[in-house]
């Protein structure tokens, strides 16, 4: 059927808003990295093992990362509270048993676009957090 599987620019489904992406979460994160790495001070994930291996950094500060198939971003605690209350995800827990108040893990089923959240996290890092 014509049009059923068409895609708009940036790999998002036809008719989807800018920032919405289709495909596997890992591919979505790679697209996010490609988009943000050109920004001053932003460095790509290092790879390897250990915490932060899948993290985007601004001047060595992690602001967004890909963990267990989910986008994780650092945002102000009140913003994380609002996102959690809205059902878009949960506070990130680095397997230590305590959710972090400024780290948000986006639910895979959330319709929030990844790029605006990552840019918000970058702005937060640039503000000194």
PDB file of N, CA and C in Angstrom:
ATOM      1  N   UNK A   1       0.837  -1.175   0.000  1.00  0.00           N
ATOM      2  CA  UNK A   1       0.000   0.000   0.000  1.00  0.00           C
ATOM      3  C   UNK A   1       0.883   1.240   0.000  1.00  0.00           C
ATOM      4  N   UNK A   2       0.636   2.101  -0.901  1.00  0.00           N
ATOM      5  CA  UNK A   2       1.452   3.303  -1.037  1.00  0.00           C
ATOM      6  C   UNK A   2       1.305   4.203   0.176  1.00  0.00           C
ATOM      7  N   UNK A   3       2.418   4.747   0.613  1.00  0.00           N
ATOM      8  CA  UNK A   3       2.410   5.712   1.706  1.00  0.00           C
ATOM      9  C   UNK A   3       2.433   5.110   3.088  1.00  0.00           C
ATOM     10  N   UNK A   4       2.122   3.825   3.201  1.00  0.00           N
ATOM     11  CA  UNK A   4       2.037   3.218   4.517  1.00  0.00           C
ATOM     12  C   UNK A   4       3.373   3.201   5.256  1.00  0.00           C
ATOM     13  N   UNK A   5       4.467   3.000   4.519  1.00  0.00           N
ATOM     14  CA  UNK A   5       5.774   2.909   5.153  1.00  0.00           C
ATOM     15  C   UNK A   5       6.693   4.050   4.741  1.00  0.00           C
ATOM     16  N   UNK A   6       6.140   5.129   4.259  1.00  0.00           N
ATOM     17  CA  UNK A   6       6.960   6.265   3.859  1.00  0.00           C
ATOM     18  C   UNK A   6       7.558   6.910   5.102  1.00  0.00           C
ATOM     19  N   UNK A   7       8.722   7.524   4.898  1.00  0.00           N
ATOM     20  CA  UNK A   7       9.322   8.255   6.002  1.00  0.00           C
ATOM     21  C   UNK A   7       9.580   9.678   5.580  1.00  0.00           C
ATOM     22  N   UNK A   8       9.540  10.564   6.543  1.00  0.00           N
ATOM     23  CA  UNK A   8       9.873  11.967   6.314  1.00  0.00           C
ATOM     24  C   UNK A   8      11.373  12.113   6.535  1.00  0.00           C
ATOM     25  N   UNK A   9      11.864  13.331   6.526  1.00  0.00           N
ATOM     26  CA  UNK A   9      13.291  13.536   6.756  1.00  0.00           C
ATOM     27  C   UNK A   9      13.678  13.089   8.154  1.00  0.00           C
ATOM     28  N   UNK A  10      14.954  12.854   8.342  1.00  0.00           N
ATOM     29  CA  UNK A  10      15.551  12.452   9.634  1.00  0.00           C
ATOM     30  C   UNK A  10      15.051  11.107  10.122  1.00  0.00           C
ATOM     31  N   UNK A  11      14.536  10.252   9.203  1.00  0.00           N
ATOM     32  CA  UNK A  11      14.152   8.905   9.581  1.00  0.00           C
ATOM     33  C   UNK A  11      12.896   8.800  10.406  1.00  0.00           C
ATOM     34  N   UNK A  12      12.118   9.869  10.493  1.00  0.00           N
ATOM     35  CA  UNK A  12      10.883   9.789  11.271  1.00  0.00           C
ATOM     36  C   UNK A  12       9.737   9.382  10.346  1.00  0.00           C
ATOM     37  N   UNK A  13       8.701   8.796  10.891  1.00  0.00           N
ATOM     38  CA  UNK A  13       7.561   8.402  10.080  1.00  0.00           C
ATOM     39  C   UNK A  13       6.917   9.616   9.415  1.00  0.00           C
ATOM     40  N   UNK A  14       6.365   9.411   8.230  1.00  0.00           N
ATOM     41  CA  UNK A  14       5.682  10.490   7.528  1.00  0.00           C
ATOM     42  C   UNK A  14       4.599  11.063   8.433  1.00  0.00           C
ATOM     43  N   UNK A  15       4.553  12.371   8.537  1.00  0.00           N
ATOM     44  CA  UNK A  15       3.553  13.032   9.369  1.00  0.00           C
ATOM     45  C   UNK A  15       3.973  13.227  10.810  1.00  0.00           C
ATOM     46  N   UNK A  16       5.092  12.623  11.213  1.00  0.00           N
ATOM     47  CA  UNK A  16       5.550  12.769  12.590  1.00  0.00           C
ATOM     48  C   UNK A  16       6.209  14.133  12.759  1.00  0.00           C
ATOM     49  N   UNK A  17       6.141  14.696  13.954  1.00  0.00           N
ATOM     50  CA  UNK A  17       6.757  15.998  14.184  1.00  0.00           C
ATOM     51  C   UNK A  17       8.271  15.918  14.115  1.00  0.00           C
ATOM     52  N   UNK A  18       8.941  17.048  13.789  1.00  0.00           N
ATOM     53  CA  UNK A  18      10.392  17.046  13.814  1.00  0.00           C
ATOM     54  C   UNK A  18      10.882  16.618  15.191  1.00  0.00           C
ATOM     55  N   UNK A  19      11.936  15.830  15.219  1.00  0.00           N
ATOM     56  CA  UNK A  19      12.472  15.338  16.485  1.00  0.00           C
ATOM     57  C   UNK A  19      12.003  13.935  16.794  1.00  0.00           C
ATOM     58  N   UNK A  20      10.884  13.526  16.186  1.00  0.00           N
ATOM     59  CA  UNK A  20      10.415  12.163  16.387  1.00  0.00           C
ATOM     60  C   UNK A  20      11.199  11.261  15.455  1.00  0.00           C
ATOM     61  N   UNK A  21      11.615  10.124  15.929  1.00  0.00           N
ATOM     62  CA  UNK A  21      12.403   9.221  15.102  1.00  0.00           C
ATOM     63  C   UNK A  21      11.771   7.851  15.079  1.00  0.00           C
ATOM     64  N   UNK A  22      12.057   7.151  14.009  1.00  0.00           N
ATOM     65  CA  UNK A  22      11.599   5.779  13.882  1.00  0.00           C
ATOM     66  C   UNK A  22      12.798   4.876  14.095  1.00  0.00           C
ATOM     67  N   UNK A  23      12.544   3.611  14.267  1.00  0.00           N
ATOM     68  CA  UNK A  23      13.637   2.661  14.311  1.00  0.00           C
ATOM     69  C   UNK A  23      14.046   2.281  15.708  1.00  0.00           C
ATOM     70  N   UNK A  24      15.125   1.522  15.728  1.00  0.00           N
ATOM     71  CA  UNK A  24      15.637   0.990  16.983  1.00  0.00           C
ATOM     72  C   UNK A  24      16.214   2.098  17.857  1.00  0.00           C
ATOM     73  N   UNK A  25      16.101   1.949  19.174  1.00  0.00           N
ATOM     74  CA  UNK A  25      16.634   2.972  20.078  1.00  0.00           C
ATOM     75  C   UNK A  25      18.122   3.252  19.859  1.00  0.00           C
ATOM     76  N   UNK A  26      18.919   2.226  19.589  1.00  0.00           N
ATOM     77  CA  UNK A  26      20.340   2.440  19.348  1.00  0.00           C
ATOM     78  C   UNK A  26      20.592   3.327  18.138  1.00  0.00           C
ATOM     79  N   UNK A  27      19.792   3.132  17.098  1.00  0.00           N
ATOM     80  CA  UNK A  27      19.910   3.977  15.902  1.00  0.00           C
ATOM     81  C   UNK A  27      19.490   5.406  16.220  1.00  0.00           C
ATOM     82  N   UNK A  28      18.447   5.534  17.023  1.00  0.00           N
ATOM     83  CA  UNK A  28      17.986   6.865  17.415  1.00  0.00           C
ATOM     84  C   UNK A  28      19.072   7.602  18.189  1.00  0.00           C
ATOM     85  N   UNK A  29      19.763   6.878  19.081  1.00  0.00           N
ATOM     86  CA  UNK A  29      20.829   7.526  19.842  1.00  0.00           C
ATOM     87  C   UNK A  29      21.989   7.912  18.931  1.00  0.00           C
ATOM     88  N   UNK A  30      22.330   7.068  17.980  1.00  0.00           N
ATOM     89  CA  UNK A  30      23.391   7.413  17.024  1.00  0.00           C
ATOM     90  C   UNK A  30      23.028   8.678  16.256  1.00  0.00           C
ATOM     91  N   UNK A  31      21.761   8.807  15.862  1.00  0.00           N
ATOM     92  CA  UNK A  31      21.312  10.023  15.172  1.00  0.00           C
ATOM     93  C   UNK A  31      21.469  11.240  16.091  1.00  0.00           C
ATOM     94  N   UNK A  32      21.138  11.057  17.353  1.00  0.00           N
ATOM     95  CA  UNK A  32      21.267  12.131  18.335  1.00  0.00           C
ATOM     96  C   UNK A  32      22.728  12.552  18.489  1.00  0.00           C
ATOM     97  N   UNK A  33      23.621  11.577  18.575  1.00  0.00           N
ATOM     98  CA  UNK A  33      25.051  11.858  18.683  1.00  0.00           C
ATOM     99  C   UNK A  33      25.505  12.647  17.456  1.00  0.00           C
ATOM    100  N   UNK A  34      25.122  12.184  16.279  1.00  0.00           N
ATOM    101  CA  UNK A  34      25.505  12.872  15.040  1.00  0.00           C
ATOM    102  C   UNK A  34      25.039  14.321  15.045  1.00  0.00           C
ATOM    103  N   UNK A  35      23.861  14.555  15.566  1.00  0.00           N
ATOM    104  CA  UNK A  35      23.280  15.898  15.594  1.00  0.00           C
ATOM    105  C   UNK A  35      24.013  16.820  16.571  1.00  0.00           C
ATOM    106  N   UNK A  36      24.401  16.296  17.730  1.00  0.00           N
ATOM    107  CA  UNK A  36      24.946  17.147  18.793  1.00  0.00           C
ATOM    108  C   UNK A  36      26.462  17.270  18.822  1.00  0.00           C
ATOM    109  N   UNK A  37      27.179  16.321  18.236  1.00  0.00           N
ATOM    110  CA  UNK A  37      28.628  16.342  18.309  1.00  0.00           C
ATOM    111  C   UNK A  37      29.229  17.576  17.637  1.00  0.00           C
ATOM    112  N   UNK A  38      28.546  18.183  16.718  1.00  0.00           N
ATOM    113  CA  UNK A  38      29.055  19.397  16.089  1.00  0.00           C
ATOM    114  C   UNK A  38      28.956  20.635  16.965  1.00  0.00           C
ATOM    115  N   UNK A  39      28.261  20.537  18.087  1.00  0.00           N
ATOM    116  CA  UNK A  39      28.112  21.668  19.002  1.00  0.00           C
ATOM    117  C   UNK A  39      29.419  21.888  19.767  1.00  0.00           C
ATOM    118  N   UNK A  40      29.794  23.153  20.017  1.00  0.00           N
ATOM    119  CA  UNK A  40      31.042  23.426  20.739  1.00  0.00           C
ATOM    120  C   UNK A  40      31.100  22.726  22.093  1.00  0.00           C
ATOM    121  N   UNK A  41      32.205  22.023  22.338  1.00  0.00           N
ATOM    122  CA  UNK A  41      32.433  21.370  23.623  1.00  0.00           C
ATOM    123  C   UNK A  41      31.812  20.000  23.778  1.00  0.00           C
ATOM    124  N   UNK A  42      31.004  19.559  22.800  1.00  0.00           N
ATOM    125  CA  UNK A  42      30.322  18.266  22.911  1.00  0.00           C
ATOM    126  C   UNK A  42      31.208  17.170  22.316  1.00  0.00           C
ATOM    127  N   UNK A  43      31.387  16.098  23.085  1.00  0.00           N
ATOM    128  CA  UNK A  43      32.175  14.963  22.619  1.00  0.00           C
ATOM    129  C   UNK A  43      31.312  13.708  22.597  1.00  0.00           C
ATOM    130  N   UNK A  44      31.613  12.799  21.667  1.00  0.00           N
ATOM    131  CA  UNK A  44      30.813  11.586  21.522  1.00  0.00           C
ATOM    132  C   UNK A  44      31.131  10.558  22.600  1.00  0.00           C
ATOM    133  N   UNK A  45      30.292   9.533  22.683  1.00  0.00           N
ATOM    134  CA  UNK A  45      30.568   8.439  23.624  1.00  0.00           C
ATOM    135  C   UNK A  45      31.938   7.833  23.349  1.00  0.00           C
ATOM    136  N   UNK A  46      32.611   7.403  24.420  1.00  0.00           N
ATOM    137  CA  UNK A  46      33.952   6.829  24.311  1.00  0.00           C
ATOM    138  C   UNK A  46      33.929   5.352  23.981  1.00  0.00           C
ATOM    139  N   UNK A  47      32.829   4.686  24.316  1.00  0.00           N
ATOM    140  CA  UNK A  47      32.806   3.237  24.164  1.00  0.00           C
ATOM    141  C   UNK A  47      33.536   2.590  25.322  1.00  0.00           C
ATOM    142  N   UNK A  48      33.906   1.351  25.148  1.00  0.00           N
ATOM    143  CA  UNK A  48      34.613   0.631  26.201  1.00  0.00           C
ATOM    144  C   UNK A  48      33.645   0.090  27.239  1.00  0.00           C
ATOM    145  N   UNK A  49      34.113   0.031  28.478  1.00  0.00           N
ATOM    146  CA  UNK A  49      33.267  -0.495  29.541  1.00  0.00           C
ATOM    147  C   UNK A  49      33.202   0.510  30.682  1.00  0.00           C
ATOM    148  N   UNK A  50      32.237   0.311  31.555  1.00  0.00           N
ATOM    149  CA  UNK A  50      32.089   1.176  32.713  1.00  0.00           C
ATOM    150  C   UNK A  50      31.052   2.265  32.514  1.00  0.00           C
ATOM    151  N   UNK A  51      30.774   2.972  33.597  1.00  0.00           N
ATOM    152  CA  UNK A  51      29.762   4.027  33.580  1.00  0.00           C
ATOM    153  C   UNK A  51      30.166   5.111  32.587  1.00  0.00           C
ATOM    154  N   UNK A  52      29.213   5.564  31.815  1.00  0.00           N
ATOM    155  CA  UNK A  52      29.443   6.656  30.884  1.00  0.00           C
ATOM    156  C   UNK A  52      29.991   6.236  29.533  1.00  0.00           C
ATOM    157  N   UNK A  53      30.106   4.954  29.281  1.00  0.00           N
ATOM    158  CA  UNK A  53      30.658   4.502  28.000  1.00  0.00           C
ATOM    159  C   UNK A  53      29.787   4.910  26.824  1.00  0.00           C
ATOM    160  N   UNK A  54      28.464   5.067  27.061  1.00  0.00           N
ATOM    161  CA  UNK A  54      27.546   5.475  26.005  1.00  0.00           C
ATOM    162  C   UNK A  54      27.051   6.893  26.211  1.00  0.00           C
ATOM    163  N   UNK A  55      27.940   7.787  26.687  1.00  0.00           N
ATOM    164  CA  UNK A  55      27.506   9.125  27.097  1.00  0.00           C
ATOM    165  C   UNK A  55      28.010  10.236  26.185  1.00  0.00           C
ATOM    166  N   UNK A  56      27.129  11.184  25.950  1.00  0.00           N
ATOM    167  CA  UNK A  56      27.511  12.448  25.327  1.00  0.00           C
ATOM    168  C   UNK A  56      27.970  13.358  26.457  1.00  0.00           C
ATOM    169  N   UNK A  57      29.057  14.086  26.207  1.00  0.00           N
ATOM    170  CA  UNK A  57      29.593  14.981  27.226  1.00  0.00           C
ATOM    171  C   UNK A  57      29.742  16.390  26.673  1.00  0.00           C
ATOM    172  N   UNK A  58      29.579  17.335  27.569  1.00  0.00           N
ATOM    173  CA  UNK A  58      29.923  18.721  27.280  1.00  0.00           C
ATOM    174  C   UNK A  58      31.025  19.074  28.263  1.00  0.00           C
ATOM    175  N   UNK A  59      32.192  19.382  27.729  1.00  0.00           N
ATOM    176  CA  UNK A  59      33.355  19.682  28.564  1.00  0.00           C
ATOM    177  C   UNK A  59      33.509  18.670  29.704  1.00  0.00           C
ATOM    178  N   UNK A  60      33.489  17.416  29.352  1.00  0.00           N
ATOM    179  CA  UNK A  60      33.669  16.271  30.251  1.00  0.00           C
ATOM    180  C   UNK A  60      32.495  15.980  31.172  1.00  0.00           C
ATOM    181  N   UNK A  61      31.445  16.778  31.123  1.00  0.00           N
ATOM    182  CA  UNK A  61      30.256  16.519  31.944  1.00  0.00           C
ATOM    183  C   UNK A  61      29.252  15.726  31.117  1.00  0.00           C
ATOM    184  N   UNK A  62      28.814  14.604  31.656  1.00  0.00           N
ATOM    185  CA  UNK A  62      27.800  13.798  30.968  1.00  0.00           C
ATOM    186  C   UNK A  62      26.473  14.537  31.034  1.00  0.00           C
ATOM    187  N   UNK A  63      25.809  14.670  29.883  1.00  0.00           N
ATOM    188  CA  UNK A  63      24.485  15.282  29.871  1.00  0.00           C
ATOM    189  C   UNK A  63      23.431  14.374  29.247  1.00  0.00           C
ATOM    190  N   UNK A  64      23.836  13.407  28.449  1.00  0.00           N
ATOM    191  CA  UNK A  64      22.898  12.450  27.856  1.00  0.00           C
ATOM    192  C   UNK A  64      23.647  11.149  27.617  1.00  0.00           C
ATOM    193  N   UNK A  65      22.947  10.044  27.810  1.00  0.00           N
ATOM    194  CA  UNK A  65      23.585   8.751  27.590  1.00  0.00           C
ATOM    195  C   UNK A  65      22.544   7.718  27.186  1.00  0.00           C
ATOM    196  N   UNK A  66      23.041   6.619  26.672  1.00  0.00           N
ATOM    197  CA  UNK A  66      22.200   5.518  26.228  1.00  0.00           C
ATOM    198  C   UNK A  66      22.494   4.341  27.141  1.00  0.00           C
ATOM    199  N   UNK A  67      21.502   3.979  27.952  1.00  0.00           N
ATOM    200  CA  UNK A  67      21.693   2.934  28.961  1.00  0.00           C
ATOM    201  C   UNK A  67      20.534   1.942  28.894  1.00  0.00           C
ATOM    202  N   UNK A  68      20.883   0.683  28.727  1.00  0.00           N
ATOM    203  CA  UNK A  68      19.883  -0.388  28.685  1.00  0.00           C
ATOM    204  C   UNK A  68      18.753  -0.073  27.687  1.00  0.00           C
ATOM    205  N   UNK A  69      19.124   0.471  26.545  1.00  0.00           N
ATOM    206  CA  UNK A  69      18.155   0.732  25.486  1.00  0.00           C
ATOM    207  C   UNK A  69      17.310   1.973  25.660  1.00  0.00           C
ATOM    208  N   UNK A  70      17.685   2.823  26.619  1.00  0.00           N
ATOM    209  CA  UNK A  70      16.891   4.020  26.904  1.00  0.00           C
ATOM    210  C   UNK A  70      17.755   5.277  26.869  1.00  0.00           C
ATOM    211  N   UNK A  71      17.138   6.381  26.446  1.00  0.00           N
ATOM    212  CA  UNK A  71      17.789   7.678  26.528  1.00  0.00           C
ATOM    213  C   UNK A  71      17.717   8.150  27.974  1.00  0.00           C
ATOM    214  N   UNK A  72      18.857   8.556  28.520  1.00  0.00           N
ATOM    215  CA  UNK A  72      18.949   9.073  29.888  1.00  0.00           C
ATOM    216  C   UNK A  72      19.560  10.467  29.800  1.00  0.00           C
ATOM    217  N   UNK A  73      18.911  11.447  30.419  1.00  0.00           N
ATOM    218  CA  UNK A  73      19.384  12.834  30.364  1.00  0.00           C
ATOM    219  C   UNK A  73      19.429  13.445  31.763  1.00  0.00           C
ATOM    220  N   UNK A  74      20.355  14.406  31.925  1.00  0.00           N
ATOM    221  CA  UNK A  74      20.451  15.133  33.193  1.00  0.00           C
ATOM    222  C   UNK A  74      19.711  16.454  33.034  1.00  0.00           C
ATOM    223  N   UNK A  75      18.724  16.662  33.901  1.00  0.00           N
ATOM    224  CA  UNK A  75      17.866  17.845  33.858  1.00  0.00           C
ATOM    225  C   UNK A  75      17.637  18.353  35.279  1.00  0.00           C
ATOM    226  N   UNK A  76      17.136  19.587  35.422  1.00  0.00           N
ATOM    227  CA  UNK A  76      16.805  20.061  36.770  1.00  0.00           C
ATOM    228  C   UNK A  76      15.788  19.126  37.442  1.00  0.00           C
ATOM    229  N   UNK A  77      15.939  18.918  38.732  1.00  0.00           N
ATOM    230  CA  UNK A  77      15.055  18.013  39.467  1.00  0.00           C
ATOM    231  C   UNK A  77      13.567  18.321  39.253  1.00  0.00           C
ATOM    232  N   UNK A  78      13.127  19.590  39.273  1.00  0.00           N
ATOM    233  CA  UNK A  78      11.699  19.853  39.034  1.00  0.00           C
ATOM    234  C   UNK A  78      11.238  19.413  37.639  1.00  0.00           C
ATOM    235  N   UNK A  79      12.113  19.516  36.663  1.00  0.00           N
ATOM    236  CA  UNK A  79      11.773  19.064  35.312  1.00  0.00           C
ATOM    237  C   UNK A  79      11.657  17.544  35.282  1.00  0.00           C
ATOM    238  N   UNK A  80      12.571  16.852  35.962  1.00  0.00           N
ATOM    239  CA  UNK A  80      12.491  15.394  36.052  1.00  0.00           C
ATOM    240  C   UNK A  80      11.196  14.995  36.754  1.00  0.00           C
ATOM    241  N   UNK A  81      10.857  15.689  37.836  1.00  0.00           N
ATOM    242  CA  UNK A  81       9.607  15.412  38.546  1.00  0.00           C
ATOM    243  C   UNK A  81       8.412  15.513  37.600  1.00  0.00           C
ATOM    244  N   UNK A  82       8.382  16.565  36.782  1.00  0.00           N
ATOM    245  CA  UNK A  82       7.264  16.785  35.854  1.00  0.00           C
ATOM    246  C   UNK A  82       7.203  15.689  34.790  1.00  0.00           C
ATOM    247  N   UNK A  83       8.359  15.297  34.263  1.00  0.00           N
ATOM    248  CA  UNK A  83       8.379  14.243  33.248  1.00  0.00           C
ATOM    249  C   UNK A  83       7.921  12.903  33.825  1.00  0.00           C
ATOM    250  N   UNK A  84       8.353  12.610  35.037  1.00  0.00           N
ATOM    251  CA  UNK A  84       7.932  11.375  35.702  1.00  0.00           C
ATOM    252  C   UNK A  84       6.432  11.418  35.970  1.00  0.00           C
ATOM    253  N   UNK A  85       5.948  12.544  36.493  1.00  0.00           N
ATOM    254  CA  UNK A  85       4.517  12.689  36.783  1.00  0.00           C
ATOM    255  C   UNK A  85       3.683  12.567  35.510  1.00  0.00           C
ATOM    256  N   UNK A  86       4.237  13.004  34.378  1.00  0.00           N
ATOM    257  CA  UNK A  86       3.537  12.912  33.099  1.00  0.00           C
ATOM    258  C   UNK A  86       3.569  11.524  32.486  1.00  0.00           C
ATOM    259  N   UNK A  87       4.264  10.591  33.128  1.00  0.00           N
ATOM    260  CA  UNK A  87       4.298   9.219  32.643  1.00  0.00           C
ATOM    261  C   UNK A  87       5.279   8.975  31.504  1.00  0.00           C
ATOM    262  N   UNK A  88       6.215   9.901  31.298  1.00  0.00           N
ATOM    263  CA  UNK A  88       7.146   9.760  30.180  1.00  0.00           C
ATOM    264  C   UNK A  88       8.396   8.953  30.517  1.00  0.00           C
ATOM    265  N   UNK A  89       8.559   8.570  31.758  1.00  0.00           N
ATOM    266  CA  UNK A  89       9.712   7.774  32.147  1.00  0.00           C
ATOM    267  C   UNK A  89       9.873   7.756  33.650  1.00  0.00           C
ATOM    268  N   UNK A  90      11.095   7.428  34.081  1.00  0.00           N
ATOM    269  CA  UNK A  90      11.390   7.288  35.504  1.00  0.00           C
ATOM    270  C   UNK A  90      12.722   7.957  35.817  1.00  0.00           C
ATOM    271  N   UNK A  91      12.956   8.179  37.106  1.00  0.00           N
ATOM    272  CA  UNK A  91      14.272   8.660  37.517  1.00  0.00           C
ATOM    273  C   UNK A  91      15.278   7.542  37.231  1.00  0.00           C
ATOM    274  N   UNK A  92      16.432   7.915  36.757  1.00  0.00           N
ATOM    275  CA  UNK A  92      17.456   6.934  36.430  1.00  0.00           C
ATOM    276  C   UNK A  92      18.091   6.391  37.700  1.00  0.00           C
ATOM    277  N   UNK A  93      18.305   5.090  37.700  1.00  0.00           N
ATOM    278  CA  UNK A  93      18.967   4.395  38.798  1.00  0.00           C
ATOM    279  C   UNK A  93      20.136   3.640  38.178  1.00  0.00           C
ATOM    280  N   UNK A  94      21.342   3.974  38.559  1.00  0.00           N
ATOM    281  CA  UNK A  94      22.543   3.346  38.001  1.00  0.00           C
ATOM    282  C   UNK A  94      22.837   2.011  38.691  1.00  0.00           C
ATOM    283  N   UNK A  95      21.797   1.219  38.931  1.00  0.00           N
ATOM    284  CA  UNK A  95      21.914  -0.088  39.591  1.00  0.00           C
ATOM    285  C   UNK A  95      22.501   0.000  40.987  1.00  0.00           C
ATOM    286  N   UNK A  96      22.249   1.113  41.647  1.00  0.00           N
ATOM    287  CA  UNK A  96      22.735   1.280  43.017  1.00  0.00           C
ATOM    288  C   UNK A  96      21.568   1.302  44.014  1.00  0.00           C
ATOM    289  N   UNK A  97      20.342   1.180  43.503  1.00  0.00           N
ATOM    290  CA  UNK A  97      19.182   1.126  44.372  1.00  0.00           C
ATOM    291  C   UNK A  97      18.574   2.472  44.729  1.00  0.00           C
ATOM    292  N   UNK A  98      19.209   3.560  44.296  1.00  0.00           N
ATOM    293  CA  UNK A  98      18.702   4.892  44.608  1.00  0.00           C
ATOM    294  C   UNK A  98      18.528   5.696  43.329  1.00  0.00           C
ATOM    295  N   UNK A  99      17.274   6.013  42.965  1.00  0.00           N
ATOM    296  CA  UNK A  99      17.061   6.847  41.783  1.00  0.00           C
ATOM    297  C   UNK A  99      17.695   8.225  41.974  1.00  0.00           C
ATOM    298  N   UNK A 100      18.277   8.748  40.915  1.00  0.00           N
ATOM    299  CA  UNK A 100      18.941  10.047  40.976  1.00  0.00           C
ATOM    300  C   UNK A 100      17.957  11.157  40.643  1.00  0.00           C
ATOM    301  N   UNK A 101      17.922  12.207  41.461  1.00  0.00           N
ATOM    302  CA  UNK A 101      16.900  13.245  41.317  1.00  0.00           C
ATOM    303  C   UNK A 101      17.047  14.089  40.056  1.00  0.00           C
ATOM    304  N   UNK A 102      18.254  14.200  39.506  1.00  0.00           N
ATOM    305  CA  UNK A 102      18.454  15.020  38.306  1.00  0.00           C
ATOM    306  C   UNK A 102      18.678  14.197  37.039  1.00  0.00           C
ATOM    307  N   UNK A 103      18.443  12.906  37.097  1.00  0.00           N
ATOM    308  CA  UNK A 103      18.629  12.053  35.930  1.00  0.00           C
ATOM    309  C   UNK A 103      17.308  11.392  35.555  1.00  0.00           C
ATOM    310  N   UNK A 104      16.951  11.509  34.282  1.00  0.00           N
ATOM    311  CA  UNK A 104      15.676  11.010  33.781  1.00  0.00           C
ATOM    312  C   UNK A 104      15.915   9.960  32.707  1.00  0.00           C
ATOM    313  N   UNK A 105      15.227   8.835  32.843  1.00  0.00           N
ATOM    314  CA  UNK A 105      15.288   7.746  31.873  1.00  0.00           C
ATOM    315  C   UNK A 105      13.963   7.716  31.103  1.00  0.00           C
ATOM    316  N   UNK A 106      14.033   8.041  29.826  1.00  0.00           N
ATOM    317  CA  UNK A 106      12.842   8.149  28.983  1.00  0.00           C
ATOM    318  C   UNK A 106      12.267   6.772  28.685  1.00  0.00           C
ATOM    319  N   UNK A 107      10.975   6.618  28.905  1.00  0.00           N
ATOM    320  CA  UNK A 107      10.298   5.355  28.610  1.00  0.00           C
ATOM    321  C   UNK A 107      10.307   5.101  27.107  1.00  0.00           C
ATOM    322  N   UNK A 108      10.562   3.865  26.689  1.00  0.00           N
ATOM    323  CA  UNK A 108      10.589   3.554  25.263  1.00  0.00           C
ATOM    324  C   UNK A 108       9.283   3.898  24.548  1.00  0.00           C
ATOM    325  N   UNK A 109       8.181   3.814  25.244  1.00  0.00           N
ATOM    326  CA  UNK A 109       6.884   4.091  24.622  1.00  0.00           C
ATOM    327  C   UNK A 109       6.511   5.574  24.630  1.00  0.00           C
ATOM    328  N   UNK A 110       7.324   6.414  25.264  1.00  0.00           N
ATOM    329  CA  UNK A 110       7.038   7.845  25.306  1.00  0.00           C
ATOM    330  C   UNK A 110       7.108   8.437  23.899  1.00  0.00           C
ATOM    331  N   UNK A 111       6.236   9.381  23.649  1.00  0.00           N
ATOM    332  CA  UNK A 111       6.222  10.057  22.357  1.00  0.00           C
ATOM    333  C   UNK A 111       7.073  11.325  22.365  1.00  0.00           C
ATOM    334  N   UNK A 112       7.756  11.605  23.484  1.00  0.00           N
ATOM    335  CA  UNK A 112       8.632  12.778  23.524  1.00  0.00           C
ATOM    336  C   UNK A 112       9.790  12.596  22.551  1.00  0.00           C
ATOM    337  N   UNK A 113      10.116  13.650  21.841  1.00  0.00           N
ATOM    338  CA  UNK A 113      11.227  13.617  20.900  1.00  0.00           C
ATOM    339  C   UNK A 113      12.546  13.647  21.664  1.00  0.00           C
ATOM    340  N   UNK A 114      13.514  12.877  21.199  1.00  0.00           N
ATOM    341  CA  UNK A 114      14.798  12.764  21.884  1.00  0.00           C
ATOM    342  C   UNK A 114      15.642  14.028  21.769  1.00  0.00           C
ATOM    343  N   UNK A 115      15.713  14.618  20.597  1.00  0.00           N
ATOM    344  CA  UNK A 115      16.613  15.749  20.389  1.00  0.00           C
ATOM    345  C   UNK A 115      16.293  16.942  21.296  1.00  0.00           C
ATOM    346  N   UNK A 116      15.031  17.370  21.410  1.00  0.00           N
ATOM    347  CA  UNK A 116      14.756  18.485  22.326  1.00  0.00           C
ATOM    348  C   UNK A 116      15.133  18.174  23.777  1.00  0.00           C
ATOM    349  N   UNK A 117      14.907  16.944  24.225  1.00  0.00           N
ATOM    350  CA  UNK A 117      15.300  16.575  25.597  1.00  0.00           C
ATOM    351  C   UNK A 117      16.817  16.634  25.756  1.00  0.00           C
ATOM    352  N   UNK A 118      17.537  16.136  24.773  1.00  0.00           N
ATOM    353  CA  UNK A 118      18.991  16.158  24.843  1.00  0.00           C
ATOM    354  C   UNK A 118      19.522  17.595  24.798  1.00  0.00           C
ATOM    355  N   UNK A 119      18.902  18.447  23.993  1.00  0.00           N
ATOM    356  CA  UNK A 119      19.321  19.861  23.944  1.00  0.00           C
ATOM    357  C   UNK A 119      19.039  20.549  25.288  1.00  0.00           C
ATOM    358  N   UNK A 120      17.929  20.195  25.896  1.00  0.00           N
ATOM    359  CA  UNK A 120      17.595  20.736  27.223  1.00  0.00           C
ATOM    360  C   UNK A 120      18.656  20.306  28.243  1.00  0.00           C
ATOM    361  N   UNK A 121      19.086  19.047  28.152  1.00  0.00           N
ATOM    362  CA  UNK A 121      20.128  18.545  29.045  1.00  0.00           C
ATOM    363  C   UNK A 121      21.461  19.236  28.768  1.00  0.00           C
ATOM    364  N   UNK A 122      21.766  19.483  27.509  1.00  0.00           N
ATOM    365  CA  UNK A 122      22.994  20.203  27.157  1.00  0.00           C
ATOM    366  C   UNK A 122      22.958  21.623  27.732  1.00  0.00           C
ATOM    367  N   UNK A 123      21.824  22.297  27.603  1.00  0.00           N
ATOM    368  CA  UNK A 123      21.675  23.642  28.175  1.00  0.00           C
ATOM    369  C   UNK A 123      21.896  23.610  29.690  1.00  0.00           C
ATOM    370  N   UNK A 124      21.369  22.585  30.340  1.00  0.00           N
ATOM    371  CA  UNK A 124      21.525  22.438  31.792  1.00  0.00           C
ATOM    372  C   UNK A 124      23.006  22.252  32.151  1.00  0.00           C
ATOM    373  N   UNK A 125      23.706  21.442  31.387  1.00  0.00           N
ATOM    374  CA  UNK A 125      25.145  21.238  31.626  1.00  0.00           C
ATOM    375  C   UNK A 125      25.911  22.533  31.402  1.00  0.00           C
ATOM    376  N   UNK A 126      25.563  23.265  30.356  1.00  0.00           N
ATOM    377  CA  UNK A 126      26.256  24.506  30.046  1.00  0.00           C
ATOM    378  C   UNK A 126      26.002  25.585  31.098  1.00  0.00           C
ATOM    379  N   UNK A 127      24.897  25.450  31.827  1.00  0.00           N
ATOM    380  CA  UNK A 127      24.576  26.396  32.895  1.00  0.00           C
ATOM    381  C   UNK A 127      25.350  26.086  34.187  1.00  0.00           C
ATOM    382  N   UNK A 128      26.165  25.032  34.134  1.00  0.00           N
ATOM    383  CA  UNK A 128      27.019  24.720  35.283  1.00  0.00           C
ATOM    384  C   UNK A 128      26.535  23.609  36.177  1.00  0.00           C
ATOM    385  N   UNK A 129      25.662  22.785  35.680  1.00  0.00           N
ATOM    386  CA  UNK A 129      25.120  21.694  36.511  1.00  0.00           C
ATOM    387  C   UNK A 129      25.658  20.358  36.116  1.00  0.00           C
TER     388      UNK A 129
END
